Amino acid sequence: MPTMEVLRTAERPHPPGRHTGRIMLVVDDLTDFLGQMEILVREEAPLHEIPHGSRDGLGPLAVEHGPWPASTCAAVLKRWYEAGWIGLYFRDPPPGWNVAAAEWQGRLVDGEDLADRDARCLLEEPERWVLAHADGHVQPYRTVQGEIAPVEQWFEHVMALARGLPLKPPGAGSPSPQR
């Protein structure tokens, strides 16, 4: 199984000539992906950002998470949406941004939540998650049920599905799906 080694240097100052302590965590790609997806939902990241992943830290010890295929991200988000743990909302981008409107904007519930049909369609079509279009600026959020459900339950709910999904974009190397 592919692994990712994470090295982190202690943040506290140390005397000259002495090395800082290091902690090494070994996390498999699937666990890293699901953990990052949960964090991106918690942070309410716009859909256009999610497939790009994230970066922890700076310099030589920085850890890259992702990128992942948008279709893989969409499959996991859809499963969490169907469980009632996430919803999707849209707020107008800042003034001056040239973002194309979406047809669903006239059907927002309570002014910002996507209607169920529109949310399902958007999760089925991750190719629409682009920066230049309102679709890409839709953000997932945890519902009350999602806040109550333990994170372990979130992972268990999508584990079998995620094992069969590619974790690397086409041409990025590394064998997928996970077995």
C-alpha atoms as a PDB file:
ATOM      1  CA  MET A   1       0.000   0.000   0.000  1.00  0.00           C
ATOM      2  CA  PRO A   2       1.457   3.421  -0.879  1.00  0.00           C
ATOM      3  CA  THR A   3       2.473   5.487   2.102  1.00  0.00           C
ATOM      4  CA  MET A   4       3.260   9.077   2.761  1.00  0.00           C
ATOM      5  CA  GLU A   5       5.882   9.906   5.349  1.00  0.00           C
ATOM      6  CA  VAL A   6       5.308  13.097   7.257  1.00  0.00           C
ATOM      7  CA  LEU A   7       8.207  14.682   9.093  1.00  0.00           C
ATOM      8  CA  ARG A   8       7.616  17.625  11.377  1.00  0.00           C
ATOM      9  CA  THR A   9      10.219  19.614  13.229  1.00  0.00           C
ATOM     10  CA  ALA A  10       9.554  20.824  16.747  1.00  0.00           C
ATOM     11  CA  GLU A  11       8.608  24.514  16.811  1.00  0.00           C
ATOM     12  CA  ARG A  12      10.421  25.446  20.013  1.00  0.00           C
ATOM     13  CA  PRO A  13      13.791  27.190  19.896  1.00  0.00           C
ATOM     14  CA  HIS A  14      16.881  25.087  20.489  1.00  0.00           C
ATOM     15  CA  PRO A  15      20.492  25.875  21.418  1.00  0.00           C
ATOM     16  CA  PRO A  16      22.941  26.420  18.517  1.00  0.00           C
ATOM     17  CA  GLY A  17      24.485  23.179  17.333  1.00  0.00           C
ATOM     18  CA  ARG A  18      21.636  21.031  18.609  1.00  0.00           C
ATOM     19  CA  HIS A  19      19.087  19.448  16.337  1.00  0.00           C
ATOM     20  CA  THR A  20      15.403  19.778  16.895  1.00  0.00           C
ATOM     21  CA  GLY A  21      13.391  16.671  17.599  1.00  0.00           C
ATOM     22  CA  ARG A  22      11.441  15.135  14.749  1.00  0.00           C
ATOM     23  CA  ILE A  23       8.245  13.199  14.786  1.00  0.00           C
ATOM     24  CA  MET A  24       7.512  10.856  11.918  1.00  0.00           C
ATOM     25  CA  LEU A  25       3.971   9.868  11.035  1.00  0.00           C
ATOM     26  CA  VAL A  26       3.268   7.295   8.366  1.00  0.00           C
ATOM     27  CA  VAL A  27      -0.152   7.739   6.809  1.00  0.00           C
ATOM     28  CA  ASP A  28      -1.457   5.772   3.850  1.00  0.00           C
ATOM     29  CA  ASP A  29      -2.789   7.739   0.876  1.00  0.00           C
ATOM     30  CA  LEU A  30      -6.408   6.711   1.465  1.00  0.00           C
ATOM     31  CA  THR A  31      -6.403   7.788   5.116  1.00  0.00           C
ATOM     32  CA  ASP A  32      -4.699  11.046   4.158  1.00  0.00           C
ATOM     33  CA  PHE A  33      -7.282  11.700   1.420  1.00  0.00           C
ATOM     34  CA  LEU A  34     -10.288  11.055   3.669  1.00  0.00           C
ATOM     35  CA  GLY A  35      -8.779  13.096   6.493  1.00  0.00           C
ATOM     36  CA  GLN A  36      -8.140  16.007   4.167  1.00  0.00           C
ATOM     37  CA  MET A  37     -11.643  15.776   2.675  1.00  0.00           C
ATOM     38  CA  GLU A  38     -13.129  16.014   6.165  1.00  0.00           C
ATOM     39  CA  ILE A  39     -10.907  19.020   6.941  1.00  0.00           C
ATOM     40  CA  LEU A  40     -11.850  20.740   3.659  1.00  0.00           C
ATOM     41  CA  VAL A  41     -15.544  20.282   4.523  1.00  0.00           C
ATOM     42  CA  ARG A  42     -14.941  21.581   8.049  1.00  0.00           C
ATOM     43  CA  GLU A  43     -13.150  24.626   6.549  1.00  0.00           C
ATOM     44  CA  GLU A  44     -15.972  25.046   4.001  1.00  0.00           C
ATOM     45  CA  ALA A  45     -13.502  25.169   1.105  1.00  0.00           C
ATOM     46  CA  PRO A  46     -14.997  26.159  -2.269  1.00  0.00           C
ATOM     47  CA  LEU A  47     -15.514  23.213  -4.615  1.00  0.00           C
ATOM     48  CA  HIS A  48     -12.946  24.563  -7.099  1.00  0.00           C
ATOM     49  CA  GLU A  49     -10.229  24.267  -4.404  1.00  0.00           C
ATOM     50  CA  ILE A  50     -10.977  20.771  -3.098  1.00  0.00           C
ATOM     51  CA  PRO A  51      -9.364  18.611  -5.844  1.00  0.00           C
ATOM     52  CA  HIS A  52      -6.155  20.657  -5.621  1.00  0.00           C
ATOM     53  CA  GLY A  53      -5.523  19.444  -2.081  1.00  0.00           C
ATOM     54  CA  SER A  54      -3.588  21.412   0.487  1.00  0.00           C
ATOM     55  CA  ARG A  55      -0.135  22.002   1.886  1.00  0.00           C
ATOM     56  CA  ASP A  56       0.924  21.855   5.519  1.00  0.00           C
ATOM     57  CA  GLY A  57       4.002  23.798   6.548  1.00  0.00           C
ATOM     58  CA  LEU A  58       6.715  25.571   4.628  1.00  0.00           C
ATOM     59  CA  GLY A  59      10.125  24.730   3.267  1.00  0.00           C
ATOM     60  CA  PRO A  60      11.660  21.286   2.973  1.00  0.00           C
ATOM     61  CA  LEU A  61       9.375  19.734   5.587  1.00  0.00           C
ATOM     62  CA  ALA A  62       6.155  20.903   3.929  1.00  0.00           C
ATOM     63  CA  VAL A  63       3.645  18.142   3.322  1.00  0.00           C
ATOM     64  CA  GLU A  64       1.526  18.088   0.165  1.00  0.00           C
ATOM     65  CA  HIS A  65      -1.943  16.542   0.308  1.00  0.00           C
ATOM     66  CA  GLY A  66      -3.360  15.826  -3.145  1.00  0.00           C
ATOM     67  CA  PRO A  67      -4.102  16.696  -5.830  1.00  0.00           C
ATOM     68  CA  TRP A  68      -6.924  14.219  -6.323  1.00  0.00           C
ATOM     69  CA  PRO A  69      -9.282  13.582  -9.237  1.00  0.00           C
ATOM     70  CA  ALA A  70     -12.325  15.850  -8.940  1.00  0.00           C
ATOM     71  CA  SER A  71     -14.522  12.810  -9.624  1.00  0.00           C
ATOM     72  CA  THR A  72     -13.055  11.063  -6.558  1.00  0.00           C
ATOM     73  CA  CYS A  73     -13.697  14.106  -4.372  1.00  0.00           C
ATOM     74  CA  ALA A  74     -17.230  14.373  -5.764  1.00  0.00           C
ATOM     75  CA  ALA A  75     -18.008  10.714  -5.022  1.00  0.00           C
ATOM     76  CA  VAL A  76     -17.049  11.123  -1.359  1.00  0.00           C
ATOM     77  CA  LEU A  77     -18.878  14.446  -0.981  1.00  0.00           C
ATOM     78  CA  LYS A  78     -21.966  12.941  -2.618  1.00  0.00           C
ATOM     79  CA  ARG A  79     -21.982  10.024  -0.174  1.00  0.00           C
ATOM     80  CA  TRP A  80     -21.687  12.423   2.782  1.00  0.00           C
ATOM     81  CA  TYR A  81     -24.430  14.596   1.263  1.00  0.00           C
ATOM     82  CA  GLU A  82     -26.726  11.582   0.891  1.00  0.00           C
ATOM     83  CA  ALA A  83     -26.080  10.702   4.553  1.00  0.00           C
ATOM     84  CA  GLY A  84     -27.313  14.181   5.497  1.00  0.00           C
ATOM     85  CA  TRP A  85     -23.933  15.190   6.948  1.00  0.00           C
ATOM     86  CA  ILE A  86     -23.161  18.017   4.534  1.00  0.00           C
ATOM     87  CA  GLY A  87     -25.077  20.662   2.645  1.00  0.00           C
ATOM     88  CA  LEU A  88     -23.915  23.024  -0.089  1.00  0.00           C
ATOM     89  CA  TYR A  89     -24.203  26.807   0.028  1.00  0.00           C
ATOM     90  CA  PHE A  90     -23.272  29.735  -2.189  1.00  0.00           C
ATOM     91  CA  ARG A  91     -22.375  33.273  -1.256  1.00  0.00           C
ATOM     92  CA  ASP A  92     -21.645  35.865  -3.894  1.00  0.00           C
ATOM     93  CA  PRO A  93     -17.908  36.211  -4.570  1.00  0.00           C
ATOM     94  CA  PRO A  94     -16.265  39.518  -3.571  1.00  0.00           C
ATOM     95  CA  PRO A  95     -16.970  42.582  -5.728  1.00  0.00           C
ATOM     96  CA  GLY A  96     -14.809  42.751  -8.819  1.00  0.00           C
ATOM     97  CA  TRP A  97     -14.593  39.000  -9.354  1.00  0.00           C
ATOM     98  CA  ASN A  98     -15.771  38.031 -12.810  1.00  0.00           C
ATOM     99  CA  VAL A  99     -17.709  34.851 -11.992  1.00  0.00           C
ATOM    100  CA  ALA A 100     -20.284  33.481 -14.426  1.00  0.00           C
ATOM    101  CA  ALA A 101     -23.729  33.012 -12.905  1.00  0.00           C
ATOM    102  CA  ALA A 102     -25.410  29.615 -12.548  1.00  0.00           C
ATOM    103  CA  GLU A 103     -29.031  28.775 -13.323  1.00  0.00           C
ATOM    104  CA  TRP A 104     -29.568  27.403  -9.795  1.00  0.00           C
ATOM    105  CA  GLN A 105     -28.882  30.797  -8.173  1.00  0.00           C
ATOM    106  CA  GLY A 106     -32.566  31.706  -8.496  1.00  0.00           C
ATOM    107  CA  ARG A 107     -33.528  28.554  -6.557  1.00  0.00           C
ATOM    108  CA  LEU A 108     -31.359  29.012  -3.449  1.00  0.00           C
ATOM    109  CA  VAL A 109     -33.076  27.988  -0.218  1.00  0.00           C
ATOM    110  CA  ASP A 110     -32.948  30.556   2.602  1.00  0.00           C
ATOM    111  CA  GLY A 111     -30.849  32.795   0.382  1.00  0.00           C
ATOM    112  CA  GLU A 112     -27.742  30.618   0.158  1.00  0.00           C
ATOM    113  CA  ASP A 113     -28.333  26.833   0.365  1.00  0.00           C
ATOM    114  CA  LEU A 114     -28.548  24.911  -2.892  1.00  0.00           C
ATOM    115  CA  ALA A 115     -31.838  23.111  -3.446  1.00  0.00           C
ATOM    116  CA  ASP A 116     -31.503  19.337  -3.157  1.00  0.00           C
ATOM    117  CA  ARG A 117     -31.797  18.693  -6.904  1.00  0.00           C
ATOM    118  CA  ASP A 118     -29.197  21.370  -7.690  1.00  0.00           C
ATOM    119  CA  ALA A 119     -26.779  20.079  -5.043  1.00  0.00           C
ATOM    120  CA  ARG A 120     -27.048  16.519  -6.347  1.00  0.00           C
ATOM    121  CA  CYS A 121     -26.477  17.661  -9.948  1.00  0.00           C
ATOM    122  CA  LEU A 122     -23.417  19.689  -8.962  1.00  0.00           C
ATOM    123  CA  LEU A 123     -21.927  16.737  -7.065  1.00  0.00           C
ATOM    124  CA  GLU A 124     -22.538  14.543 -10.133  1.00  0.00           C
ATOM    125  CA  GLU A 125     -20.660  16.952 -12.418  1.00  0.00           C
ATOM    126  CA  PRO A 126     -17.322  17.935 -10.836  1.00  0.00           C
ATOM    127  CA  GLU A 127     -16.090  19.240 -14.187  1.00  0.00           C
ATOM    128  CA  ARG A 128     -18.292  22.270 -13.373  1.00  0.00           C
ATOM    129  CA  TRP A 129     -16.190  23.109 -10.295  1.00  0.00           C
ATOM    130  CA  VAL A 130     -14.163  25.872 -11.930  1.00  0.00           C
ATOM    131  CA  LEU A 131     -12.976  29.203 -10.562  1.00  0.00           C
ATOM    132  CA  ALA A 132     -14.614  31.259 -13.327  1.00  0.00           C
ATOM    133  CA  HIS A 133     -18.136  29.917 -12.649  1.00  0.00           C
ATOM    134  CA  ALA A 134     -20.484  30.171  -9.661  1.00  0.00           C
ATOM    135  CA  ASP A 135     -20.497  26.347  -9.508  1.00  0.00           C
ATOM    136  CA  GLY A 136     -16.879  26.397  -8.370  1.00  0.00           C
ATOM    137  CA  HIS A 137     -17.635  28.823  -5.547  1.00  0.00           C
ATOM    138  CA  VAL A 138     -20.218  26.581  -3.896  1.00  0.00           C
ATOM    139  CA  GLN A 139     -19.024  25.479  -0.468  1.00  0.00           C
ATOM    140  CA  PRO A 140     -19.818  22.346   1.537  1.00  0.00           C
ATOM    141  CA  TYR A 141     -20.720  22.710   5.199  1.00  0.00           C
ATOM    142  CA  ARG A 142     -21.462  20.280   8.005  1.00  0.00           C
ATOM    143  CA  THR A 143     -25.144  19.967   8.852  1.00  0.00           C
ATOM    144  CA  VAL A 144     -26.397  19.426  12.389  1.00  0.00           C
ATOM    145  CA  GLN A 145     -26.353  15.667  11.702  1.00  0.00           C
ATOM    146  CA  GLY A 146     -22.803  16.004  10.389  1.00  0.00           C
ATOM    147  CA  GLU A 147     -21.717  17.860  13.514  1.00  0.00           C
ATOM    148  CA  ILE A 148     -23.121  15.068  15.681  1.00  0.00           C
ATOM    149  CA  ALA A 149     -21.699  12.137  13.694  1.00  0.00           C
ATOM    150  CA  PRO A 150     -18.181  11.169  14.868  1.00  0.00           C
ATOM    151  CA  VAL A 151     -15.453  11.599  12.251  1.00  0.00           C
ATOM    152  CA  GLU A 152     -14.793   7.848  12.406  1.00  0.00           C
ATOM    153  CA  GLN A 153     -18.346   7.298  11.198  1.00  0.00           C
ATOM    154  CA  TRP A 154     -17.723   9.696   8.284  1.00  0.00           C
ATOM    155  CA  PHE A 155     -14.694   7.626   7.269  1.00  0.00           C
ATOM    156  CA  GLU A 156     -16.430   4.258   7.715  1.00  0.00           C
ATOM    157  CA  HIS A 157     -19.348   5.480   5.609  1.00  0.00           C
ATOM    158  CA  VAL A 158     -17.128   6.091   2.557  1.00  0.00           C
ATOM    159  CA  MET A 159     -14.240   3.645   3.087  1.00  0.00           C
ATOM    160  CA  ALA A 160     -15.456   0.863   0.770  1.00  0.00           C
ATOM    161  CA  LEU A 161     -16.330   3.403  -1.925  1.00  0.00           C
ATOM    162  CA  ALA A 162     -13.029   5.284  -1.569  1.00  0.00           C
ATOM    163  CA  ARG A 163     -10.944   2.094  -1.795  1.00  0.00           C
ATOM    164  CA  GLY A 164     -12.180   1.667  -5.362  1.00  0.00           C
ATOM    165  CA  LEU A 165     -11.524   5.252  -6.457  1.00  0.00           C
ATOM    166  CA  PRO A 166      -8.338   6.647  -8.006  1.00  0.00           C
ATOM    167  CA  LEU A 167      -6.412   8.891  -5.612  1.00  0.00           C
ATOM    168  CA  LYS A 168      -4.094  10.405  -8.212  1.00  0.00           C
ATOM    169  CA  PRO A 169      -5.135  12.485 -11.216  1.00  0.00           C
ATOM    170  CA  PRO A 170      -4.486  10.808 -14.588  1.00  0.00           C
ATOM    171  CA  GLY A 171      -0.785  10.846 -15.424  1.00  0.00           C
ATOM    172  CA  ALA A 172       0.314  11.565 -11.840  1.00  0.00           C
ATOM    173  CA  GLY A 173       1.862   8.118 -11.316  1.00  0.00           C
ATOM    174  CA  SER A 174       1.376   5.820  -8.342  1.00  0.00           C
ATOM    175  CA  PRO A 175      -0.997   2.896  -8.750  1.00  0.00           C
ATOM    176  CA  SER A 176      -4.675   3.363  -7.957  1.00  0.00           C
ATOM    177  CA  PRO A 177      -7.282   2.352  -6.924  1.00  0.00           C
ATOM    178  CA  GLN A 178      -6.359   1.266  -3.380  1.00  0.00           C
ATOM    179  CA  ARG A 179      -6.645  -2.409  -2.480  1.00  0.00           C
END
